[in-house]
Amino acid sequence: DGRRWEDVPASVQSKAIFIHDVSIPLEVGDIVERDLPSRV
């Protein structure tokens, strides 16, 4: 629906993404973006 949260601390692992800010209503279908050092 266009809502977004920026700079959310997370741990991105091979099988799961750990996020401690549970005030964010994370749901199926949401997109998580991560910027790599290569700018990818």
All heavy atoms as atom14 arrays in JSON, in Angstrom:
{
  "sequence": "DGRRWEDVPASVQSKAIFIHDVSIPLEVGDIVERDLPSRV",
  "atom14_mask": [
    [1, 1, 1, 1, 1, 1, 1, 1, 0, 0, 0, 0, 0, 0],
    [1, 1, 1, 1, 0, 0, 0, 0, 0, 0, 0, 0, 0, 0],
    [1, 1, 1, 1, 1, 1, 1, 1, 1, 1, 1, 0, 0, 0],
    [1, 1, 1, 1, 1, 1, 1, 1, 1, 1, 1, 0, 0, 0],
    [1, 1, 1, 1, 1, 1, 1, 1, 1, 1, 1, 1, 1, 1],
    [1, 1, 1, 1, 1, 1, 1, 1, 1, 0, 0, 0, 0, 0],
    [1, 1, 1, 1, 1, 1, 1, 1, 0, 0, 0, 0, 0, 0],
    [1, 1, 1, 1, 1, 1, 1, 0, 0, 0, 0, 0, 0, 0],
    [1, 1, 1, 1, 1, 1, 1, 0, 0, 0, 0, 0, 0, 0],
    [1, 1, 1, 1, 1, 0, 0, 0, 0, 0, 0, 0, 0, 0],
    [1, 1, 1, 1, 1, 1, 0, 0, 0, 0, 0, 0, 0, 0],
    [1, 1, 1, 1, 1, 1, 1, 0, 0, 0, 0, 0, 0, 0],
    [1, 1, 1, 1, 1, 1, 1, 1, 1, 0, 0, 0, 0, 0],
    [1, 1, 1, 1, 1, 1, 0, 0, 0, 0, 0, 0, 0, 0],
    [1, 1, 1, 1, 1, 1, 1, 1, 1, 0, 0, 0, 0, 0],
    [1, 1, 1, 1, 1, 0, 0, 0, 0, 0, 0, 0, 0, 0],
    [1, 1, 1, 1, 1, 1, 1, 1, 0, 0, 0, 0, 0, 0],
    [1, 1, 1, 1, 1, 1, 1, 1, 1, 1, 1, 0, 0, 0],
    [1, 1, 1, 1, 1, 1, 1, 1, 0, 0, 0, 0, 0, 0],
    [1, 1, 1, 1, 1, 1, 1, 1, 1, 1, 0, 0, 0, 0],
    [1, 1, 1, 1, 1, 1, 1, 1, 0, 0, 0, 0, 0, 0],
    [1, 1, 1, 1, 1, 1, 1, 0, 0, 0, 0, 0, 0, 0],
    [1, 1, 1, 1, 1, 1, 0, 0, 0, 0, 0, 0, 0, 0],
    [1, 1, 1, 1, 1, 1, 1, 1, 0, 0, 0, 0, 0, 0],
    [1, 1, 1, 1, 1, 1, 1, 0, 0, 0, 0, 0, 0, 0],
    [1, 1, 1, 1, 1, 1, 1, 1, 0, 0, 0, 0, 0, 0],
    [1, 1, 1, 1, 1, 1, 1, 1, 1, 0, 0, 0, 0, 0],
    [1, 1, 1, 1, 1, 1, 1, 0, 0, 0, 0, 0, 0, 0],
    [1, 1, 1, 1, 0, 0, 0, 0, 0, 0, 0, 0, 0, 0],
    [1, 1, 1, 1, 1, 1, 1, 1, 0, 0, 0, 0, 0, 0],
    [1, 1, 1, 1, 1, 1, 1, 1, 0, 0, 0, 0, 0, 0],
    [1, 1, 1, 1, 1, 1, 1, 0, 0, 0, 0, 0, 0, 0],
    [1, 1, 1, 1, 1, 1, 1, 1, 1, 0, 0, 0, 0, 0],
    [1, 1, 1, 1, 1, 1, 1, 1, 1, 1, 1, 0, 0, 0],
    [1, 1, 1, 1, 1, 1, 1, 1, 0, 0, 0, 0, 0, 0],
    [1, 1, 1, 1, 1, 1, 1, 1, 0, 0, 0, 0, 0, 0],
    [1, 1, 1, 1, 1, 1, 1, 0, 0, 0, 0, 0, 0, 0],
    [1, 1, 1, 1, 1, 1, 0, 0, 0, 0, 0, 0, 0, 0],
    [1, 1, 1, 1, 1, 1, 1, 1, 1, 1, 1, 0, 0, 0],
    [1, 1, 1, 1, 1, 1, 1, 0, 0, 0, 0, 0, 0, 0]
  ],
  "atom14_positions": [
    [[0.81, -1.22, 0.0], [0.0, 0.0, 0.0], [0.84, 1.27, 0.0], [0.32, 2.38, 0.09], [-0.97, 0.01, 1.18], [-0.26, 0.02, 2.54], [0.99, 0.16, 2.58], [-0.94, -0.13, 3.57], [0.0, 0.0, 0.0], [0.0, 0.0, 0.0], [0.0, 0.0, 0.0], [0.0, 0.0, 0.0], [0.0, 0.0, 0.0], [0.0, 0.0, 0.0]],
    [[2.18, 1.12, -0.09], [3.05, 2.29, -0.17], [3.73, 2.68, 1.13], [4.67, 3.48, 1.13], [0.0, 0.0, 0.0], [0.0, 0.0, 0.0], [0.0, 0.0, 0.0], [0.0, 0.0, 0.0], [0.0, 0.0, 0.0], [0.0, 0.0, 0.0], [0.0, 0.0, 0.0], [0.0, 0.0, 0.0], [0.0, 0.0, 0.0], [0.0, 0.0, 0.0]],
    [[3.29, 2.14, 2.26], [3.96, 2.44, 3.52], [5.37, 1.85, 3.52], [5.6, 0.81, 2.91], [3.16, 1.88, 4.7], [1.88, 2.65, 5.02], [1.16, 2.01, 6.19], [0.68, 0.67, 5.85], [0.32, -0.25, 6.74], [0.44, 0.01, 8.04], [-0.13, -1.43, 6.35], [0.0, 0.0, 0.0], [0.0, 0.0, 0.0], [0.0, 0.0, 0.0]],
    [[6.3, 2.52, 4.2], [7.67, 2.05, 4.24], [8.35, 2.45, 5.55], [8.01, 3.46, 6.17], [8.47, 2.57, 3.04], [8.57, 4.07, 2.93], [9.14, 4.47, 1.58], [10.55, 4.11, 1.45], [11.09, 3.66, 0.33], [10.36, 3.49, -0.75], [12.38, 3.37, 0.27], [0.0, 0.0, 0.0], [0.0, 0.0, 0.0], [0.0, 0.0, 0.0]],
    [[9.29, 1.65, 5.94], [10.11, 1.91, 7.12], [11.57, 1.87, 6.68], [12.0, 0.94, 6.01], [9.87, 0.85, 8.2], [8.56, 0.99, 8.91], [8.33, 1.56, 10.13], [7.28, 0.54, 8.44], [7.0, 1.51, 10.45], [6.32, 0.88, 9.43], [6.84, -0.11, 7.29], [4.97, 0.59, 9.29], [5.48, -0.4, 7.15], [4.57, -0.05, 8.14]],
    [[12.33, 2.89, 7.05], [13.72, 3.02, 6.63], [14.66, 2.67, 7.79], [14.32, 2.83, 8.96], [14.01, 4.46, 6.18], [13.15, 4.94, 5.02], [13.67, 4.49, 3.67], [14.78, 3.91, 3.63], [12.97, 4.7, 2.66], [0.0, 0.0, 0.0], [0.0, 0.0, 0.0], [0.0, 0.0, 0.0], [0.0, 0.0, 0.0], [0.0, 0.0, 0.0]],
    [[15.88, 2.24, 7.44], [16.96, 2.0, 8.4], [16.54, 1.11, 9.56], [16.8, 1.42, 10.73], [17.48, 3.35, 8.94], [18.14, 4.18, 7.85], [18.75, 3.6, 6.95], [18.01, 5.42, 7.91], [0.0, 0.0, 0.0], [0.0, 0.0, 0.0], [0.0, 0.0, 0.0], [0.0, 0.0, 0.0], [0.0, 0.0, 0.0], [0.0, 0.0, 0.0]],
    [[15.88, 0.02, 9.26], [15.44, -0.93, 10.28], [16.6, -1.9, 10.57], [17.08, -2.58, 9.66], [14.21, -1.72, 9.8], [13.79, -2.75, 10.86], [13.05, -0.78, 9.48], [0.0, 0.0, 0.0], [0.0, 0.0, 0.0], [0.0, 0.0, 0.0], [0.0, 0.0, 0.0], [0.0, 0.0, 0.0], [0.0, 0.0, 0.0], [0.0, 0.0, 0.0]],
    [[17.09, -1.98, 11.81], [18.15, -2.93, 12.13], [17.67, -4.36, 11.91], [16.56, -4.73, 12.31], [18.44, -2.66, 13.61], [17.92, -1.27, 13.85], [16.72, -1.14, 12.96], [0.0, 0.0, 0.0], [0.0, 0.0, 0.0], [0.0, 0.0, 0.0], [0.0, 0.0, 0.0], [0.0, 0.0, 0.0], [0.0, 0.0, 0.0], [0.0, 0.0, 0.0]],
    [[18.5, -5.19, 11.29], [18.12, -6.57, 11.0], [19.36, -7.43, 10.88], [20.48, -6.93, 10.72], [17.31, -6.63, 9.71], [0.0, 0.0, 0.0], [0.0, 0.0, 0.0], [0.0, 0.0, 0.0], [0.0, 0.0, 0.0], [0.0, 0.0, 0.0], [0.0, 0.0, 0.0], [0.0, 0.0, 0.0], [0.0, 0.0, 0.0], [0.0, 0.0, 0.0]],
    [[19.16, -8.73, 10.97], [20.21, -9.7, 10.7], [19.69, -10.6, 9.57], [18.73, -11.34, 9.76], [20.52, -10.55, 11.94], [21.47, -11.55, 11.64], [0.0, 0.0, 0.0], [0.0, 0.0, 0.0], [0.0, 0.0, 0.0], [0.0, 0.0, 0.0], [0.0, 0.0, 0.0], [0.0, 0.0, 0.0], [0.0, 0.0, 0.0], [0.0, 0.0, 0.0]],
    [[20.3, -10.48, 8.41], [19.86, -11.24, 7.23], [20.68, -12.51, 7.14], [21.89, -12.46, 6.9], [20.0, -10.4, 5.94], [19.53, -11.21, 4.74], [19.2, -9.1, 6.06], [0.0, 0.0, 0.0], [0.0, 0.0, 0.0], [0.0, 0.0, 0.0], [0.0, 0.0, 0.0], [0.0, 0.0, 0.0], [0.0, 0.0, 0.0], [0.0, 0.0, 0.0]],
    [[20.04, -13.64, 7.38], [20.7, -14.94, 7.32], [20.21, -15.7, 6.09], [19.32, -15.25, 5.38], [20.4, -15.73, 8.6], [20.79, -15.01, 9.88], [22.28, -14.8, 10.0], [23.07, -15.63, 9.56], [22.69, -13.69, 10.62], [0.0, 0.0, 0.0], [0.0, 0.0, 0.0], [0.0, 0.0, 0.0], [0.0, 0.0, 0.0], [0.0, 0.0, 0.0]],
    [[20.79, -16.87, 5.85], [20.46, -17.62, 4.64], [19.03, -18.14, 4.64], [18.43, -18.32, 3.59], [21.43, -18.79, 4.46], [21.33, -19.68, 5.56], [0.0, 0.0, 0.0], [0.0, 0.0, 0.0], [0.0, 0.0, 0.0], [0.0, 0.0, 0.0], [0.0, 0.0, 0.0], [0.0, 0.0, 0.0], [0.0, 0.0, 0.0], [0.0, 0.0, 0.0]],
    [[18.46, -18.37, 5.82], [17.11, -18.94, 5.89], [16.1, -18.02, 6.57], [14.9, -18.31, 6.58], [17.15, -20.29, 6.61], [17.93, -21.36, 5.86], [17.85, -22.69, 6.58], [18.67, -23.76, 5.86], [18.15, -24.05, 4.53], [0.0, 0.0, 0.0], [0.0, 0.0, 0.0], [0.0, 0.0, 0.0], [0.0, 0.0, 0.0], [0.0, 0.0, 0.0]],
    [[16.54, -16.95, 7.18], [15.61, -16.07, 7.89], [16.2, -14.68, 8.03], [17.41, -14.49, 8.01], [15.28, -16.64, 9.28], [0.0, 0.0, 0.0], [0.0, 0.0, 0.0], [0.0, 0.0, 0.0], [0.0, 0.0, 0.0], [0.0, 0.0, 0.0], [0.0, 0.0, 0.0], [0.0, 0.0, 0.0], [0.0, 0.0, 0.0], [0.0, 0.0, 0.0]],
    [[15.29, -13.7, 8.17], [15.67, -12.32, 8.48], [15.18, -12.02, 9.89], [13.98, -12.12, 10.16], [15.06, -11.33, 7.48], [15.53, -11.63, 6.06], [15.42, -9.89, 7.87], [14.84, -10.79, 4.99], [0.0, 0.0, 0.0], [0.0, 0.0, 0.0], [0.0, 0.0, 0.0], [0.0, 0.0, 0.0], [0.0, 0.0, 0.0], [0.0, 0.0, 0.0]],
    [[16.11, -11.7, 10.79], [15.77, -11.4, 12.18], [15.55, -9.9, 12.33], [16.43, -9.11, 11.99], [16.89, -11.86, 13.12], [17.07, -13.35, 13.17], [17.74, -14.01, 12.15], [16.58, -14.09, 14.22], [17.91, -15.38, 12.18], [16.74, -15.46, 14.27], [17.4, -16.12, 13.25], [0.0, 0.0, 0.0], [0.0, 0.0, 0.0], [0.0, 0.0, 0.0]],
    [[14.38, -9.51, 12.84], [14.04, -8.1, 13.07], [13.46, -7.99, 14.47], [12.5, -8.69, 14.8], [13.04, -7.59, 12.02], [13.64, -7.64, 10.62], [12.58, -6.16, 12.35], [12.67, -7.31, 9.5], [0.0, 0.0, 0.0], [0.0, 0.0, 0.0], [0.0, 0.0, 0.0], [0.0, 0.0, 0.0], [0.0, 0.0, 0.0], [0.0, 0.0, 0.0]],
    [[14.02, -7.11, 15.3], [13.55, -6.97, 16.67], [12.5, -5.89, 16.85], [11.83, -5.85, 17.88], [14.73, -6.69, 17.61], [15.56, -7.91, 17.87], [16.77, -7.87, 18.52], [15.36, -9.22, 17.56], [17.27, -9.08, 18.61], [16.44, -9.91, 18.02], [0.0, 0.0, 0.0], [0.0, 0.0, 0.0], [0.0, 0.0, 0.0], [0.0, 0.0, 0.0]],
    [[12.34, -5.0, 15.87], [11.33, -3.95, 16.0], [9.96, -4.52, 15.62], [9.53, -4.43, 14.47], [11.69, -2.76, 15.11], [10.79, -1.56, 15.39], [9.79, -1.71, 16.13], [11.08, -0.46, 14.86], [0.0, 0.0, 0.0], [0.0, 0.0, 0.0], [0.0, 0.0, 0.0], [0.0, 0.0, 0.0], [0.0, 0.0, 0.0], [0.0, 0.0, 0.0]],
    [[9.29, -5.1, 16.6], [8.01, -5.75, 16.32], [6.85, -4.74, 16.29], [5.69, -5.14, 16.11], [7.72, -6.86, 17.35], [8.72, -7.99, 17.21], [7.72, -6.32, 18.77], [0.0, 0.0, 0.0], [0.0, 0.0, 0.0], [0.0, 0.0, 0.0], [0.0, 0.0, 0.0], [0.0, 0.0, 0.0], [0.0, 0.0, 0.0], [0.0, 0.0, 0.0]],
    [[7.16, -3.45, 16.44], [6.11, -2.44, 16.25], [5.79, -2.29, 14.76], [4.74, -1.75, 14.39], [6.55, -1.09, 16.82], [7.64, -0.54, 16.08], [0.0, 0.0, 0.0], [0.0, 0.0, 0.0], [0.0, 0.0, 0.0], [0.0, 0.0, 0.0], [0.0, 0.0, 0.0], [0.0, 0.0, 0.0], [0.0, 0.0, 0.0], [0.0, 0.0, 0.0]],
    [[6.68, -2.77, 13.91], [6.43, -2.77, 12.47], [5.51, -3.95, 12.14], [5.83, -5.1, 12.48], [7.74, -2.9, 11.67], [8.65, -1.71, 11.97], [7.47, -3.0, 10.17], [10.04, -1.83, 11.38], [0.0, 0.0, 0.0], [0.0, 0.0, 0.0], [0.0, 0.0, 0.0], [0.0, 0.0, 0.0], [0.0, 0.0, 0.0], [0.0, 0.0, 0.0]],
    [[4.37, -3.73, 11.49], [3.43, -4.82, 11.21], [3.89, -5.66, 10.01], [3.33, -5.58, 8.92], [2.12, -4.08, 10.92], [2.56, -2.76, 10.35], [3.84, -2.41, 11.08], [0.0, 0.0, 0.0], [0.0, 0.0, 0.0], [0.0, 0.0, 0.0], [0.0, 0.0, 0.0], [0.0, 0.0, 0.0], [0.0, 0.0, 0.0], [0.0, 0.0, 0.0]],
    [[4.91, -6.47, 10.21], [5.46, -7.28, 9.12], [4.46, -8.36, 8.71], [3.93, -9.09, 9.56], [6.77, -7.92, 9.57], [7.64, -8.54, 8.48], [8.16, -7.45, 7.53], [8.81, -9.3, 9.09], [0.0, 0.0, 0.0], [0.0, 0.0, 0.0], [0.0, 0.0, 0.0], [0.0, 0.0, 0.0], [0.0, 0.0, 0.0], [0.0, 0.0, 0.0]],
    [[4.21, -8.46, 7.4], [3.19, -9.37, 6.9], [3.68, -10.09, 5.66], [4.63, -9.65, 5.0], [1.91, -8.61, 6.57], [1.28, -7.89, 7.75], [0.13, -7.0, 7.33], [0.39, -5.97, 6.67], [-1.02, -7.36, 7.63], [0.0, 0.0, 0.0], [0.0, 0.0, 0.0], [0.0, 0.0, 0.0], [0.0, 0.0, 0.0], [0.0, 0.0, 0.0]],
    [[2.99, -11.2, 5.33], [3.29, -11.93, 4.11], [3.09, -10.99, 2.91], [2.1, -10.25, 2.84], [2.36, -13.15, 3.96], [2.53, -13.81, 2.59], [2.64, -14.16, 5.07], [0.0, 0.0, 0.0], [0.0, 0.0, 0.0], [0.0, 0.0, 0.0], [0.0, 0.0, 0.0], [0.0, 0.0, 0.0], [0.0, 0.0, 0.0], [0.0, 0.0, 0.0]],
    [[4.05, -10.99, 2.0], [3.97, -10.13, 0.82], [4.74, -8.83, 0.95], [4.97, -8.14, -0.06], [0.0, 0.0, 0.0], [0.0, 0.0, 0.0], [0.0, 0.0, 0.0], [0.0, 0.0, 0.0], [0.0, 0.0, 0.0], [0.0, 0.0, 0.0], [0.0, 0.0, 0.0], [0.0, 0.0, 0.0], [0.0, 0.0, 0.0], [0.0, 0.0, 0.0]],
    [[5.15, -8.46, 2.17], [5.98, -7.27, 2.34], [7.34, -7.5, 1.69], [7.82, -8.63, 1.6], [6.18, -6.94, 3.82], [4.9, -6.42, 4.47], [3.93, -6.15, 3.74], [4.88, -6.3, 5.71], [0.0, 0.0, 0.0], [0.0, 0.0, 0.0], [0.0, 0.0, 0.0], [0.0, 0.0, 0.0], [0.0, 0.0, 0.0], [0.0, 0.0, 0.0]],
    [[7.98, -6.42, 1.27], [9.3, -6.48, 0.66], [10.33, -5.9, 1.62], [10.14, -4.81, 2.17], [9.35, -5.7, -0.68], [8.39, -6.32, -1.7], [10.78, -5.67, -1.23], [8.76, -7.72, -2.14], [0.0, 0.0, 0.0], [0.0, 0.0, 0.0], [0.0, 0.0, 0.0], [0.0, 0.0, 0.0], [0.0, 0.0, 0.0], [0.0, 0.0, 0.0]],
    [[11.41, -6.63, 1.83], [12.55, -6.15, 2.61], [13.7, -5.89, 1.64], [14.04, -6.77, 0.85], [12.97, -7.16, 3.69], [14.23, -6.7, 4.41], [11.84, -7.38, 4.69], [0.0, 0.0, 0.0], [0.0, 0.0, 0.0], [0.0, 0.0, 0.0], [0.0, 0.0, 0.0], [0.0, 0.0, 0.0], [0.0, 0.0, 0.0], [0.0, 0.0, 0.0]],
    [[14.25, -4.68, 1.68], [15.37, -4.32, 0.81], [16.64, -4.13, 1.64], [16.6, -3.56, 2.73], [15.09, -3.02, 0.05], [14.05, -3.16, -1.04], [13.93, -1.89, -1.88], [14.4, -0.82, -1.41], [13.36, -1.97, -2.97], [0.0, 0.0, 0.0], [0.0, 0.0, 0.0], [0.0, 0.0, 0.0], [0.0, 0.0, 0.0], [0.0, 0.0, 0.0]],
    [[17.75, -4.6, 1.07], [19.06, -4.41, 1.73], [20.05, -3.89, 0.7], [20.18, -4.43, -0.4], [19.57, -5.72, 2.32], [20.98, -5.6, 2.92], [21.4, -6.83, 3.68], [21.61, -8.0, 2.83], [22.32, -9.07, 3.19], [22.88, -9.11, 4.39], [22.45, -10.1, 2.39], [0.0, 0.0, 0.0], [0.0, 0.0, 0.0], [0.0, 0.0, 0.0]],
    [[20.77, -2.8, 1.04], [21.81, -2.25, 0.18], [23.13, -2.93, 0.5], [23.59, -2.91, 1.64], [21.95, -0.74, 0.4], [20.69, 0.02, 0.03], [19.97, -0.43, -0.88], [20.43, 1.07, 0.66], [0.0, 0.0, 0.0], [0.0, 0.0, 0.0], [0.0, 0.0, 0.0], [0.0, 0.0, 0.0], [0.0, 0.0, 0.0], [0.0, 0.0, 0.0]],
    [[23.74, -3.54, -0.51], [25.05, -4.17, -0.33], [26.16, -3.14, -0.56], [25.93, -2.1, -1.19], [25.2, -5.32, -1.32], [24.18, -6.46, -1.19], [24.47, -7.56, -2.2], [24.17, -7.03, 0.22], [0.0, 0.0, 0.0], [0.0, 0.0, 0.0], [0.0, 0.0, 0.0], [0.0, 0.0, 0.0], [0.0, 0.0, 0.0], [0.0, 0.0, 0.0]],
    [[27.36, -3.39, -0.03], [28.47, -2.44, -0.23], [28.76, -2.17, -1.71], [29.26, -1.1, -2.06], [29.65, -3.15, 0.44], [29.03, -4.03, 1.47], [27.74, -4.5, 0.86], [0.0, 0.0, 0.0], [0.0, 0.0, 0.0], [0.0, 0.0, 0.0], [0.0, 0.0, 0.0], [0.0, 0.0, 0.0], [0.0, 0.0, 0.0], [0.0, 0.0, 0.0]],
    [[28.44, -3.12, -2.59], [28.65, -2.95, -4.03], [27.6, -2.05, -4.66], [27.63, -1.83, -5.87], [28.61, -4.32, -4.72], [27.34, -4.92, -4.53], [0.0, 0.0, 0.0], [0.0, 0.0, 0.0], [0.0, 0.0, 0.0], [0.0, 0.0, 0.0], [0.0, 0.0, 0.0], [0.0, 0.0, 0.0], [0.0, 0.0, 0.0], [0.0, 0.0, 0.0]],
    [[26.66, -1.56, -3.85], [25.54, -0.73, -4.28], [24.45, -1.54, -4.98], [23.48, -0.97, -5.49], [26.01, 0.44, -5.16], [26.86, 1.44, -4.39], [27.47, 2.51, -5.28], [26.52, 3.06, -6.23], [26.81, 3.33, -7.5], [28.02, 3.05, -7.97], [25.91, 3.86, -8.3], [0.0, 0.0, 0.0], [0.0, 0.0, 0.0], [0.0, 0.0, 0.0]],
    [[24.59, -2.86, -5.01], [23.49, -3.71, -5.45], [22.43, -3.72, -4.36], [22.74, -3.7, -3.17], [24.0, -5.15, -5.72], [22.84, -6.14, -5.85], [24.85, -5.18, -6.98], [0.0, 0.0, 0.0], [0.0, 0.0, 0.0], [0.0, 0.0, 0.0], [0.0, 0.0, 0.0], [0.0, 0.0, 0.0], [0.0, 0.0, 0.0], [0.0, 0.0, 0.0]]
  ]
}
